[in-house]
Amino acid sequence: MRRLFSRFLADQSGATAIEYCLIATGLSIVILAAVNGIGTTLNATFTSVNSSLK
Protein backbone atom coordinates (compact mmCIF):
# COMPACT_ATOMS: atom_id res chain seq x y z
CA MET A 1 0.00 0.00 0.00
CA ARG A 2 2.86 2.35 0.84
CA ARG A 3 4.47 1.68 -2.56
CA LEU A 4 1.19 2.41 -4.34
CA PHE A 5 0.79 5.71 -2.48
CA SER A 6 4.37 6.78 -3.21
CA ARG A 7 3.92 5.97 -6.92
CA PHE A 8 0.70 8.00 -6.90
CA LEU A 9 2.51 11.01 -5.44
CA ALA A 10 5.40 10.67 -7.90
CA ASP A 11 3.12 10.41 -10.96
CA GLN A 12 2.96 13.76 -12.75
CA SER A 13 0.98 12.85 -15.86
CA GLY A 14 -2.17 14.44 -14.46
CA ALA A 15 -0.38 17.72 -13.80
CA THR A 16 0.24 18.17 -17.52
CA ALA A 17 -3.44 17.69 -18.32
CA ILE A 18 -4.41 20.26 -15.71
CA GLU A 19 -1.89 22.74 -17.11
CA TYR A 20 -3.30 22.28 -20.62
CA CYS A 21 -6.81 22.79 -19.24
CA LEU A 22 -5.77 26.05 -17.56
CA ILE A 23 -4.13 27.29 -20.78
CA ALA A 24 -7.26 26.42 -22.79
CA THR A 25 -9.44 28.21 -20.23
CA GLY A 26 -7.28 31.33 -20.40
CA LEU A 27 -7.35 31.35 -24.18
CA SER A 28 -11.12 30.92 -24.27
CA ILE A 29 -11.58 33.88 -21.92
CA VAL A 30 -9.36 36.06 -24.13
CA ILE A 31 -11.24 34.96 -27.27
CA LEU A 32 -14.60 35.59 -25.60
CA ALA A 33 -13.56 39.11 -24.57
CA ALA A 34 -12.29 39.90 -28.07
CA VAL A 35 -15.44 38.61 -29.78
CA ASN A 36 -17.61 40.53 -27.34
CA GLY A 37 -15.73 43.76 -28.06
CA ILE A 38 -15.89 43.24 -31.82
CA GLY A 39 -19.60 42.43 -31.58
CA THR A 40 -20.34 45.67 -29.79
CA THR A 41 -18.41 47.66 -32.38
CA LEU A 42 -20.13 45.88 -35.28
CA ASN A 43 -23.53 46.46 -33.72
CA ALA A 44 -22.87 50.20 -33.54
CA THR A 45 -21.63 50.22 -37.14
CA PHE A 46 -24.67 48.35 -38.47
CA THR A 47 -27.00 50.63 -36.51
CA SER A 48 -25.30 53.66 -38.06
CA VAL A 49 -25.54 52.19 -41.56
CA ASN A 50 -29.20 51.27 -41.00
CA SER A 51 -30.11 54.77 -39.88
CA SER A 52 -28.21 56.27 -42.85
CA LEU A 53 -30.15 54.13 -45.33
CA LYS A 54 -33.54 55.18 -43.99
PDB file of N, CA and C in Angstrom:
ATOM      1  N   MET A   1       0.822  -1.188   0.000  1.00  0.00           N
ATOM      2  CA  MET A   1       0.000   0.000   0.000  1.00  0.00           C
ATOM      3  C   MET A   1       0.875   1.263   0.000  1.00  0.00           C
ATOM      4  N   ARG A   2       1.960   1.209   0.755  1.00  0.00           N
ATOM      5  CA  ARG A   2       2.856   2.354   0.840  1.00  0.00           C
ATOM      6  C   ARG A   2       3.513   2.620  -0.517  1.00  0.00           C
ATOM      7  N   ARG A   3       3.871   1.534  -1.238  1.00  0.00           N
ATOM      8  CA  ARG A   3       4.469   1.684  -2.555  1.00  0.00           C
ATOM      9  C   ARG A   3       3.471   2.295  -3.544  1.00  0.00           C
ATOM     10  N   LEU A   4       2.232   1.883  -3.459  1.00  0.00           N
ATOM     11  CA  LEU A   4       1.194   2.412  -4.337  1.00  0.00           C
ATOM     12  C   LEU A   4       0.992   3.909  -4.087  1.00  0.00           C
ATOM     13  N   PHE A   5       0.966   4.294  -2.833  1.00  0.00           N
ATOM     14  CA  PHE A   5       0.785   5.707  -2.477  1.00  0.00           C
ATOM     15  C   PHE A   5       1.975   6.545  -2.933  1.00  0.00           C
ATOM     16  N   SER A   6       3.198   6.013  -2.773  1.00  0.00           N
ATOM     17  CA  SER A   6       4.373   6.776  -3.205  1.00  0.00           C
ATOM     18  C   SER A   6       4.422   6.898  -4.724  1.00  0.00           C
ATOM     19  N   ARG A   7       3.984   5.862  -5.459  1.00  0.00           N
ATOM     20  CA  ARG A   7       3.915   5.971  -6.917  1.00  0.00           C
ATOM     21  C   ARG A   7       2.860   6.984  -7.341  1.00  0.00           C
ATOM     22  N   PHE A   8       1.749   7.027  -6.612  1.00  0.00           N
ATOM     23  CA  PHE A   8       0.695   8.001  -6.904  1.00  0.00           C
ATOM     24  C   PHE A   8       1.209   9.426  -6.727  1.00  0.00           C
ATOM     25  N   LEU A   9       1.971   9.677  -5.683  1.00  0.00           N
ATOM     26  CA  LEU A   9       2.506  11.013  -5.439  1.00  0.00           C
ATOM     27  C   LEU A   9       3.589  11.378  -6.452  1.00  0.00           C
ATOM     28  N   ALA A  10       4.333  10.402  -6.932  1.00  0.00           N
ATOM     29  CA  ALA A  10       5.402  10.673  -7.895  1.00  0.00           C
ATOM     30  C   ALA A  10       4.878  10.836  -9.318  1.00  0.00           C
ATOM     31  N   ASP A  11       3.682  10.332  -9.610  1.00  0.00           N
ATOM     32  CA  ASP A  11       3.124  10.405 -10.960  1.00  0.00           C
ATOM     33  C   ASP A  11       2.734  11.848 -11.271  1.00  0.00           C
ATOM     34  N   GLN A  12       3.242  12.385 -12.394  1.00  0.00           N
ATOM     35  CA  GLN A  12       2.957  13.763 -12.750  1.00  0.00           C
ATOM     36  C   GLN A  12       2.219  13.882 -14.079  1.00  0.00           C
ATOM     37  N   SER A  13       1.673  12.803 -14.570  1.00  0.00           N
ATOM     38  CA  SER A  13       0.976  12.853 -15.856  1.00  0.00           C
ATOM     39  C   SER A  13      -0.311  13.660 -15.762  1.00  0.00           C
ATOM     40  N   GLY A  14      -0.959  13.659 -14.623  1.00  0.00           N
ATOM     41  CA  GLY A  14      -2.175  14.441 -14.459  1.00  0.00           C
ATOM     42  C   GLY A  14      -1.905  15.930 -14.386  1.00  0.00           C
ATOM     43  N   ALA A  15      -0.729  16.300 -13.906  1.00  0.00           N
ATOM     44  CA  ALA A  15      -0.379  17.719 -13.802  1.00  0.00           C
ATOM     45  C   ALA A  15      -0.315  18.363 -15.177  1.00  0.00           C
ATOM     46  N   THR A  16       0.163  17.633 -16.166  1.00  0.00           N
ATOM     47  CA  THR A  16       0.242  18.170 -17.518  1.00  0.00           C
ATOM     48  C   THR A  16      -1.156  18.422 -18.075  1.00  0.00           C
ATOM     49  N   ALA A  17      -2.073  17.516 -17.840  1.00  0.00           N
ATOM     50  CA  ALA A  17      -3.440  17.687 -18.321  1.00  0.00           C
ATOM     51  C   ALA A  17      -4.094  18.902 -17.674  1.00  0.00           C
ATOM     52  N   ILE A  18      -3.843  19.099 -16.404  1.00  0.00           N
ATOM     53  CA  ILE A  18      -4.410  20.258 -15.708  1.00  0.00           C
ATOM     54  C   ILE A  18      -3.817  21.552 -16.254  1.00  0.00           C
ATOM     55  N   GLU A  19      -2.523  21.547 -16.557  1.00  0.00           N
ATOM     56  CA  GLU A  19      -1.893  22.740 -17.115  1.00  0.00           C
ATOM     57  C   GLU A  19      -2.485  23.070 -18.483  1.00  0.00           C
ATOM     58  N   TYR A  20      -2.687  22.054 -19.312  1.00  0.00           N
ATOM     59  CA  TYR A  20      -3.305  22.283 -20.617  1.00  0.00           C
ATOM     60  C   TYR A  20      -4.734  22.800 -20.464  1.00  0.00           C
ATOM     61  N   CYS A  21      -5.438  22.317 -19.495  1.00  0.00           N
ATOM     62  CA  CYS A  21      -6.807  22.787 -19.244  1.00  0.00           C
ATOM     63  C   CYS A  21      -6.789  24.256 -18.828  1.00  0.00           C
ATOM     64  N   LEU A  22      -5.861  24.646 -17.991  1.00  0.00           N
ATOM     65  CA  LEU A  22      -5.767  26.048 -17.565  1.00  0.00           C
ATOM     66  C   LEU A  22      -5.391  26.957 -18.731  1.00  0.00           C
ATOM     67  N   ILE A  23      -4.506  26.495 -19.603  1.00  0.00           N
ATOM     68  CA  ILE A  23      -4.133  27.285 -20.778  1.00  0.00           C
ATOM     69  C   ILE A  23      -5.334  27.448 -21.700  1.00  0.00           C
ATOM     70  N   ALA A  24      -6.079  26.361 -21.929  1.00  0.00           N
ATOM     71  CA  ALA A  24      -7.263  26.422 -22.789  1.00  0.00           C
ATOM     72  C   ALA A  24      -8.321  27.347 -22.198  1.00  0.00           C
ATOM     73  N   THR A  25      -8.475  27.326 -20.890  1.00  0.00           N
ATOM     74  CA  THR A  25      -9.440  28.207 -20.230  1.00  0.00           C
ATOM     75  C   THR A  25      -9.037  29.664 -20.397  1.00  0.00           C
ATOM     76  N   GLY A  26      -7.763  29.963 -20.224  1.00  0.00           N
ATOM     77  CA  GLY A  26      -7.283  31.334 -20.396  1.00  0.00           C
ATOM     78  C   GLY A  26      -7.471  31.829 -21.818  1.00  0.00           C
ATOM     79  N   LEU A  27      -7.160  30.970 -22.785  1.00  0.00           N
ATOM     80  CA  LEU A  27      -7.353  31.354 -24.183  1.00  0.00           C
ATOM     81  C   LEU A  27      -8.822  31.581 -24.515  1.00  0.00           C
ATOM     82  N   SER A  28      -9.689  30.741 -23.979  1.00  0.00           N
ATOM     83  CA  SER A  28     -11.118  30.917 -24.269  1.00  0.00           C
ATOM     84  C   SER A  28     -11.650  32.217 -23.666  1.00  0.00           C
ATOM     85  N   ILE A  29     -11.150  32.610 -22.521  1.00  0.00           N
ATOM     86  CA  ILE A  29     -11.582  33.878 -21.918  1.00  0.00           C
ATOM     87  C   ILE A  29     -11.114  35.053 -22.772  1.00  0.00           C
ATOM     88  N   VAL A  30      -9.878  34.989 -23.277  1.00  0.00           N
ATOM     89  CA  VAL A  30      -9.363  36.057 -24.133  1.00  0.00           C
ATOM     90  C   VAL A  30     -10.170  36.133 -25.426  1.00  0.00           C
ATOM     91  N   ILE A  31     -10.457  34.989 -26.035  1.00  0.00           N
ATOM     92  CA  ILE A  31     -11.237  34.963 -27.274  1.00  0.00           C
ATOM     93  C   ILE A  31     -12.644  35.492 -27.029  1.00  0.00           C
ATOM     94  N   LEU A  32     -13.252  35.115 -25.929  1.00  0.00           N
ATOM     95  CA  LEU A  32     -14.601  35.591 -25.603  1.00  0.00           C
ATOM     96  C   LEU A  32     -14.614  37.105 -25.432  1.00  0.00           C
ATOM     97  N   ALA A  33     -13.626  37.656 -24.760  1.00  0.00           N
ATOM     98  CA  ALA A  33     -13.558  39.109 -24.569  1.00  0.00           C
ATOM     99  C   ALA A  33     -13.367  39.822 -25.903  1.00  0.00           C
ATOM    100  N   ALA A  34     -12.522  39.274 -26.773  1.00  0.00           N
ATOM    101  CA  ALA A  34     -12.285  39.896 -28.074  1.00  0.00           C
ATOM    102  C   ALA A  34     -13.539  39.862 -28.939  1.00  0.00           C
ATOM    103  N   VAL A  35     -14.216  38.740 -28.971  1.00  0.00           N
ATOM    104  CA  VAL A  35     -15.436  38.615 -29.777  1.00  0.00           C
ATOM    105  C   VAL A  35     -16.529  39.528 -29.236  1.00  0.00           C
ATOM    106  N   ASN A  36     -16.610  39.650 -27.936  1.00  0.00           N
ATOM    107  CA  ASN A  36     -17.609  40.532 -27.335  1.00  0.00           C
ATOM    108  C   ASN A  36     -17.335  41.988 -27.717  1.00  0.00           C
ATOM    109  N   GLY A  37     -16.082  42.392 -27.680  1.00  0.00           N
ATOM    110  CA  GLY A  37     -15.733  43.764 -28.060  1.00  0.00           C
ATOM    111  C   GLY A  37     -15.990  44.033 -29.528  1.00  0.00           C
ATOM    112  N   ILE A  38     -15.643  43.084 -30.391  1.00  0.00           N
ATOM    113  CA  ILE A  38     -15.891  43.240 -31.822  1.00  0.00           C
ATOM    114  C   ILE A  38     -17.391  43.269 -32.099  1.00  0.00           C
ATOM    115  N   GLY A  39     -18.147  42.454 -31.391  1.00  0.00           N
ATOM    116  CA  GLY A  39     -19.602  42.426 -31.580  1.00  0.00           C
ATOM    117  C   GLY A  39     -20.250  43.753 -31.239  1.00  0.00           C
ATOM    118  N   THR A  40     -19.793  44.371 -30.180  1.00  0.00           N
ATOM    119  CA  THR A  40     -20.340  45.670 -29.789  1.00  0.00           C
ATOM    120  C   THR A  40     -20.028  46.728 -30.844  1.00  0.00           C
ATOM    121  N   THR A  41     -18.808  46.699 -31.348  1.00  0.00           N
ATOM    122  CA  THR A  41     -18.409  47.659 -32.385  1.00  0.00           C
ATOM    123  C   THR A  41     -19.205  47.447 -33.667  1.00  0.00           C
ATOM    124  N   LEU A  42     -19.365  46.177 -34.067  1.00  0.00           N
ATOM    125  CA  LEU A  42     -20.128  45.884 -35.281  1.00  0.00           C
ATOM    126  C   LEU A  42     -21.599  46.271 -35.126  1.00  0.00           C
ATOM    127  N   ASN A  43     -22.144  46.080 -33.966  1.00  0.00           N
ATOM    128  CA  ASN A  43     -23.533  46.458 -33.724  1.00  0.00           C
ATOM    129  C   ASN A  43     -23.711  47.959 -33.904  1.00  0.00           C
ATOM    130  N   ALA A  44     -22.793  48.746 -33.381  1.00  0.00           N
ATOM    131  CA  ALA A  44     -22.872  50.198 -33.535  1.00  0.00           C
ATOM    132  C   ALA A  44     -22.724  50.600 -35.002  1.00  0.00           C
ATOM    133  N   THR A  45     -21.830  49.922 -35.726  1.00  0.00           N
ATOM    134  CA  THR A  45     -21.630  50.221 -37.140  1.00  0.00           C
ATOM    135  C   THR A  45     -22.887  49.904 -37.945  1.00  0.00           C
ATOM    136  N   PHE A  46     -23.469  48.729 -37.719  1.00  0.00           N
ATOM    137  CA  PHE A  46     -24.666  48.347 -38.466  1.00  0.00           C
ATOM    138  C   PHE A  46     -25.848  49.251 -38.121  1.00  0.00           C
ATOM    139  N   THR A  47     -25.943  49.698 -36.884  1.00  0.00           N
ATOM    140  CA  THR A  47     -26.997  50.633 -36.510  1.00  0.00           C
ATOM    141  C   THR A  47     -26.823  51.950 -37.240  1.00  0.00           C
ATOM    142  N   SER A  48     -25.590  52.417 -37.354  1.00  0.00           N
ATOM    143  CA  SER A  48     -25.297  53.657 -38.059  1.00  0.00           C
ATOM    144  C   SER A  48     -25.627  53.526 -39.539  1.00  0.00           C
ATOM    145  N   VAL A  49     -25.250  52.412 -40.154  1.00  0.00           N
ATOM    146  CA  VAL A  49     -25.544  52.187 -41.560  1.00  0.00           C
ATOM    147  C   VAL A  49     -27.052  52.086 -41.780  1.00  0.00           C
ATOM    148  N   ASN A  50     -27.745  51.432 -40.892  1.00  0.00           N
ATOM    149  CA  ASN A  50     -29.199  51.273 -40.996  1.00  0.00           C
ATOM    150  C   ASN A  50     -29.891  52.629 -40.919  1.00  0.00           C
ATOM    151  N   SER A  51     -29.465  53.458 -39.996  1.00  0.00           N
ATOM    152  CA  SER A  51     -30.112  54.769 -39.878  1.00  0.00           C
ATOM    153  C   SER A  51     -29.755  55.673 -41.071  1.00  0.00           C
ATOM    154  N   SER A  52     -28.599  55.482 -41.664  1.00  0.00           N
ATOM    155  CA  SER A  52     -28.208  56.269 -42.847  1.00  0.00           C
ATOM    156  C   SER A  52     -29.024  55.868 -44.072  1.00  0.00           C
ATOM    157  N   LEU A  53     -29.388  54.612 -44.165  1.00  0.00           N
ATOM    158  CA  LEU A  53     -30.146  54.128 -45.328  1.00  0.00           C
ATOM    159  C   LEU A  53     -31.606  54.536 -45.281  1.00  0.00           C
ATOM    160  N   LYS A  54     -32.120  54.829 -44.118  1.00  0.00           N
ATOM    161  CA  LYS A  54     -33.541  55.182 -43.987  1.00  0.00           C
ATOM    162  C   LYS A  54     -33.810  56.564 -44.382  1.00  0.00           C
TER     163      LYS A  54
END
